[in-house]
Amino acid sequence: MTPLFYVRYVDIALVIDNVYIDEILIKFNSYHIRLQFTMEIGGDLLNFLDICLIKKEETFIFDWYHKFTFSGRFFNYNTSHSVKKFARLLI
C-alpha cells in the first residue's frame, strides 16, 4: 500500500486507494493515545492548508484556498514590533 500522494505539515494530505482508508486511519491513531486523527474524504476536491487540490482527469490542479473567516489582513514585515513581542501576540 503505497500512497499516490503524501504531504504533511500540521495536517496530512494523502491519496490512497479506497480499500485502505480505514486501515490507514487505524494505523495513524495507534501511534499515541493523545494523538488522534480525523479524516475528510475529498473526492475530486481537497482543501489542505492554503491550497485547494483539484483532481481533473489524471492530473492535480493547485489553487488558493481561504477559509470563510479569512479577513485578507496580514502583518507588515517591517512593523516596529520586535520579533519576541510579535511571537507573544500569536500565542
N, C-alpha and C. Protein backbone atom coordinates (compact mmCIF):
# COMPACT_ATOMS: atom_id res chain seq x y z
N MET A 1 0.84 -1.17 0.00
CA MET A 1 0.00 0.00 0.00
C MET A 1 0.89 1.24 0.00
N THR A 2 1.18 1.76 -1.16
CA THR A 2 1.98 2.97 -1.31
C THR A 2 1.06 4.12 -1.72
N PRO A 3 1.09 5.23 -0.95
CA PRO A 3 0.23 6.37 -1.31
C PRO A 3 0.63 6.96 -2.66
N LEU A 4 -0.35 7.43 -3.41
CA LEU A 4 -0.07 8.11 -4.67
C LEU A 4 0.43 9.52 -4.41
N PHE A 5 0.03 10.08 -3.27
CA PHE A 5 0.36 11.46 -2.93
C PHE A 5 0.37 11.56 -1.41
N TYR A 6 1.42 12.15 -0.83
CA TYR A 6 1.51 12.28 0.62
C TYR A 6 2.19 13.59 0.95
N VAL A 7 1.52 14.45 1.73
CA VAL A 7 2.09 15.72 2.18
C VAL A 7 1.69 15.91 3.62
N ARG A 8 2.60 16.42 4.44
CA ARG A 8 2.22 16.70 5.82
C ARG A 8 2.88 17.99 6.28
N TYR A 9 2.19 18.68 7.14
CA TYR A 9 2.70 19.86 7.83
C TYR A 9 2.03 19.84 9.19
N VAL A 10 0.98 20.56 9.38
CA VAL A 10 0.17 20.43 10.58
C VAL A 10 -0.92 19.39 10.30
N ASP A 11 -1.42 19.42 9.09
CA ASP A 11 -2.39 18.43 8.62
C ASP A 11 -1.67 17.46 7.68
N ILE A 12 -2.34 16.42 7.34
CA ILE A 12 -1.78 15.44 6.41
C ILE A 12 -2.73 15.30 5.23
N ALA A 13 -2.20 15.37 4.02
CA ALA A 13 -2.98 15.09 2.82
C ALA A 13 -2.43 13.80 2.22
N LEU A 14 -3.31 12.89 1.93
CA LEU A 14 -2.89 11.57 1.49
C LEU A 14 -3.86 11.08 0.42
N VAL A 15 -3.32 10.58 -0.66
CA VAL A 15 -4.15 9.99 -1.71
C VAL A 15 -3.85 8.50 -1.75
N ILE A 16 -4.87 7.71 -1.44
CA ILE A 16 -4.71 6.26 -1.43
C ILE A 16 -5.95 5.62 -2.04
N ASP A 17 -5.85 4.34 -2.28
CA ASP A 17 -6.98 3.56 -2.78
C ASP A 17 -8.02 3.45 -1.67
N ASN A 18 -9.30 3.51 -2.03
CA ASN A 18 -10.40 3.46 -1.05
C ASN A 18 -10.35 2.23 -0.16
N VAL A 19 -9.76 1.17 -0.62
CA VAL A 19 -9.71 -0.09 0.15
C VAL A 19 -8.95 0.10 1.46
N TYR A 20 -7.96 1.00 1.48
CA TYR A 20 -7.07 1.14 2.63
C TYR A 20 -7.44 2.29 3.57
N ILE A 21 -8.54 2.97 3.35
CA ILE A 21 -8.87 4.16 4.14
C ILE A 21 -8.97 3.85 5.64
N ASP A 22 -9.76 2.87 6.01
CA ASP A 22 -9.93 2.54 7.43
C ASP A 22 -8.63 2.04 8.04
N GLU A 23 -7.90 1.25 7.30
CA GLU A 23 -6.63 0.70 7.78
C GLU A 23 -5.62 1.83 8.07
N ILE A 24 -5.55 2.82 7.20
CA ILE A 24 -4.63 3.95 7.39
C ILE A 24 -5.01 4.76 8.62
N LEU A 25 -6.30 5.05 8.81
CA LEU A 25 -6.75 5.82 9.97
C LEU A 25 -6.44 5.08 11.26
N ILE A 26 -6.67 3.79 11.30
CA ILE A 26 -6.35 2.99 12.48
C ILE A 26 -4.84 3.04 12.76
N LYS A 27 -4.04 2.93 11.74
CA LYS A 27 -2.58 2.97 11.89
C LYS A 27 -2.12 4.31 12.45
N PHE A 28 -2.61 5.43 11.88
CA PHE A 28 -2.23 6.74 12.37
C PHE A 28 -2.67 6.94 13.83
N ASN A 29 -3.88 6.50 14.17
CA ASN A 29 -4.39 6.68 15.52
C ASN A 29 -3.77 5.73 16.54
N SER A 30 -3.01 4.74 16.11
CA SER A 30 -2.37 3.80 17.03
C SER A 30 -1.02 4.28 17.54
N TYR A 31 -0.50 5.39 17.02
CA TYR A 31 0.83 5.85 17.43
C TYR A 31 0.85 6.36 18.87
N HIS A 32 -0.16 7.10 19.28
CA HIS A 32 -0.21 7.62 20.65
C HIS A 32 -1.67 7.87 21.02
N ILE A 33 -2.02 7.58 22.26
CA ILE A 33 -3.41 7.69 22.71
C ILE A 33 -3.91 9.13 22.65
N ARG A 34 -3.02 10.12 22.87
CA ARG A 34 -3.43 11.52 22.87
C ARG A 34 -3.32 12.17 21.50
N LEU A 35 -2.86 11.45 20.54
CA LEU A 35 -2.75 11.96 19.17
C LEU A 35 -3.74 11.17 18.32
N GLN A 36 -4.89 11.76 18.08
CA GLN A 36 -5.94 11.08 17.33
C GLN A 36 -6.30 11.90 16.09
N PHE A 37 -6.37 11.26 14.98
CA PHE A 37 -6.62 11.90 13.70
C PHE A 37 -8.08 11.74 13.29
N THR A 38 -8.56 12.68 12.50
CA THR A 38 -9.85 12.55 11.86
C THR A 38 -9.61 12.53 10.36
N MET A 39 -10.62 12.21 9.61
CA MET A 39 -10.43 12.06 8.18
C MET A 39 -11.51 12.81 7.42
N GLU A 40 -11.10 13.44 6.34
CA GLU A 40 -12.03 14.03 5.38
C GLU A 40 -11.77 13.36 4.05
N ILE A 41 -12.81 12.86 3.45
CA ILE A 41 -12.65 12.24 2.14
C ILE A 41 -13.00 13.31 1.12
N GLY A 42 -12.01 13.68 0.32
CA GLY A 42 -12.16 14.83 -0.55
C GLY A 42 -12.78 14.58 -1.89
N GLY A 43 -12.78 13.39 -2.37
CA GLY A 43 -13.28 13.14 -3.72
C GLY A 43 -12.38 13.81 -4.75
N ASP A 44 -12.94 14.69 -5.56
CA ASP A 44 -12.15 15.39 -6.57
C ASP A 44 -11.65 16.75 -6.10
N LEU A 45 -11.94 17.11 -4.83
CA LEU A 45 -11.55 18.41 -4.30
C LEU A 45 -11.12 18.25 -2.85
N LEU A 46 -9.96 18.78 -2.49
CA LEU A 46 -9.47 18.69 -1.12
C LEU A 46 -8.82 20.01 -0.75
N ASN A 47 -9.30 20.64 0.34
CA ASN A 47 -8.69 21.86 0.84
C ASN A 47 -7.66 21.48 1.89
N PHE A 48 -6.42 21.87 1.66
CA PHE A 48 -5.31 21.49 2.52
C PHE A 48 -4.46 22.73 2.77
N LEU A 49 -4.43 23.17 4.04
CA LEU A 49 -3.75 24.40 4.42
C LEU A 49 -4.30 25.55 3.58
N ASP A 50 -3.50 26.25 2.83
CA ASP A 50 -3.98 27.36 1.99
C ASP A 50 -4.10 26.96 0.53
N ILE A 51 -4.18 25.67 0.28
CA ILE A 51 -4.21 25.18 -1.09
C ILE A 51 -5.47 24.35 -1.32
N CYS A 52 -6.04 24.49 -2.48
CA CYS A 52 -7.16 23.67 -2.90
C CYS A 52 -6.63 22.71 -3.97
N LEU A 53 -6.64 21.42 -3.68
CA LEU A 53 -6.19 20.41 -4.64
C LEU A 53 -7.40 19.91 -5.40
N ILE A 54 -7.34 20.02 -6.71
CA ILE A 54 -8.43 19.61 -7.57
C ILE A 54 -7.94 18.50 -8.48
N LYS A 55 -8.62 17.36 -8.46
CA LYS A 55 -8.26 16.25 -9.34
C LYS A 55 -9.08 16.40 -10.62
N LYS A 56 -8.39 16.56 -11.72
CA LYS A 56 -9.06 16.68 -13.01
C LYS A 56 -8.44 15.66 -13.94
N GLU A 57 -9.25 14.68 -14.32
CA GLU A 57 -8.80 13.54 -15.12
C GLU A 57 -7.64 12.87 -14.40
N GLU A 58 -6.45 12.85 -14.96
CA GLU A 58 -5.31 12.16 -14.34
C GLU A 58 -4.28 13.13 -13.77
N THR A 59 -4.65 14.39 -13.55
CA THR A 59 -3.70 15.38 -13.03
C THR A 59 -4.30 16.09 -11.82
N PHE A 60 -3.45 16.81 -11.10
CA PHE A 60 -3.88 17.64 -9.99
C PHE A 60 -3.68 19.10 -10.34
N ILE A 61 -4.65 19.91 -10.00
CA ILE A 61 -4.57 21.36 -10.18
C ILE A 61 -4.50 21.96 -8.78
N PHE A 62 -3.58 22.88 -8.58
CA PHE A 62 -3.43 23.54 -7.29
C PHE A 62 -3.95 24.97 -7.40
N ASP A 63 -4.81 25.35 -6.45
CA ASP A 63 -5.38 26.69 -6.44
C ASP A 63 -5.33 27.21 -5.00
N TRP A 64 -5.54 28.51 -4.81
CA TRP A 64 -5.57 29.11 -3.47
C TRP A 64 -6.85 28.71 -2.76
N TYR A 65 -6.73 28.53 -1.45
CA TYR A 65 -7.90 28.26 -0.63
C TYR A 65 -7.86 29.16 0.59
N HIS A 66 -8.97 29.78 0.92
CA HIS A 66 -9.10 30.58 2.14
C HIS A 66 -10.37 30.14 2.86
N LYS A 67 -10.27 30.01 4.18
CA LYS A 67 -11.46 29.70 4.96
C LYS A 67 -12.40 30.89 4.92
N PHE A 68 -13.67 30.68 5.22
CA PHE A 68 -14.65 31.76 5.16
C PHE A 68 -14.33 32.85 6.19
N THR A 69 -13.50 32.54 7.20
CA THR A 69 -13.13 33.54 8.20
C THR A 69 -11.94 34.38 7.79
N PHE A 70 -11.34 34.11 6.63
CA PHE A 70 -10.17 34.85 6.16
C PHE A 70 -10.52 36.32 5.96
N SER A 71 -9.75 37.21 6.59
CA SER A 71 -10.04 38.64 6.53
C SER A 71 -9.23 39.35 5.45
N GLY A 72 -8.16 38.73 4.96
CA GLY A 72 -7.32 39.38 3.97
C GLY A 72 -6.28 40.29 4.59
N ARG A 73 -6.22 40.34 5.91
CA ARG A 73 -5.24 41.20 6.59
C ARG A 73 -3.99 40.41 6.92
N PHE A 74 -2.85 41.07 6.78
CA PHE A 74 -1.56 40.48 7.10
C PHE A 74 -0.76 41.46 7.95
N PHE A 75 0.16 40.96 8.75
CA PHE A 75 1.09 41.83 9.46
C PHE A 75 2.15 42.30 8.48
N ASN A 76 2.48 43.57 8.55
CA ASN A 76 3.56 44.12 7.73
C ASN A 76 4.88 43.59 8.25
N TYR A 77 5.72 43.08 7.36
CA TYR A 77 7.02 42.54 7.76
C TYR A 77 7.87 43.61 8.43
N ASN A 78 7.74 44.85 8.02
CA ASN A 78 8.56 45.94 8.54
C ASN A 78 7.91 46.62 9.74
N THR A 79 7.03 45.95 10.44
CA THR A 79 6.37 46.52 11.60
C THR A 79 7.39 46.87 12.67
N SER A 80 7.07 47.82 13.53
CA SER A 80 8.03 48.26 14.55
C SER A 80 8.05 47.35 15.77
N HIS A 81 7.23 46.31 15.80
CA HIS A 81 7.24 45.37 16.92
C HIS A 81 8.44 44.45 16.81
N SER A 82 9.01 44.12 17.95
CA SER A 82 10.12 43.16 17.94
C SER A 82 9.57 41.77 17.63
N VAL A 83 10.45 40.88 17.24
CA VAL A 83 10.03 39.51 16.91
C VAL A 83 9.47 38.83 18.17
N LYS A 84 10.07 39.07 19.34
CA LYS A 84 9.58 38.45 20.56
C LYS A 84 8.17 38.94 20.90
N LYS A 85 7.92 40.24 20.77
CA LYS A 85 6.58 40.77 21.05
C LYS A 85 5.58 40.19 20.06
N PHE A 86 5.99 40.08 18.81
CA PHE A 86 5.10 39.55 17.79
C PHE A 86 4.78 38.09 18.06
N ALA A 87 5.78 37.32 18.48
CA ALA A 87 5.56 35.90 18.78
C ALA A 87 4.58 35.75 19.93
N ARG A 88 4.64 36.63 20.95
CA ARG A 88 3.71 36.57 22.07
C ARG A 88 2.26 36.86 21.62
N LEU A 89 2.12 37.71 20.62
CA LEU A 89 0.78 38.02 20.12
C LEU A 89 0.13 36.80 19.48
N LEU A 90 0.94 35.92 18.92
CA LEU A 90 0.41 34.75 18.21
C LEU A 90 0.04 33.61 19.14
N ILE A 91 0.55 33.66 20.36
CA ILE A 91 0.31 32.55 21.31
C ILE A 91 -1.00 32.71 22.01
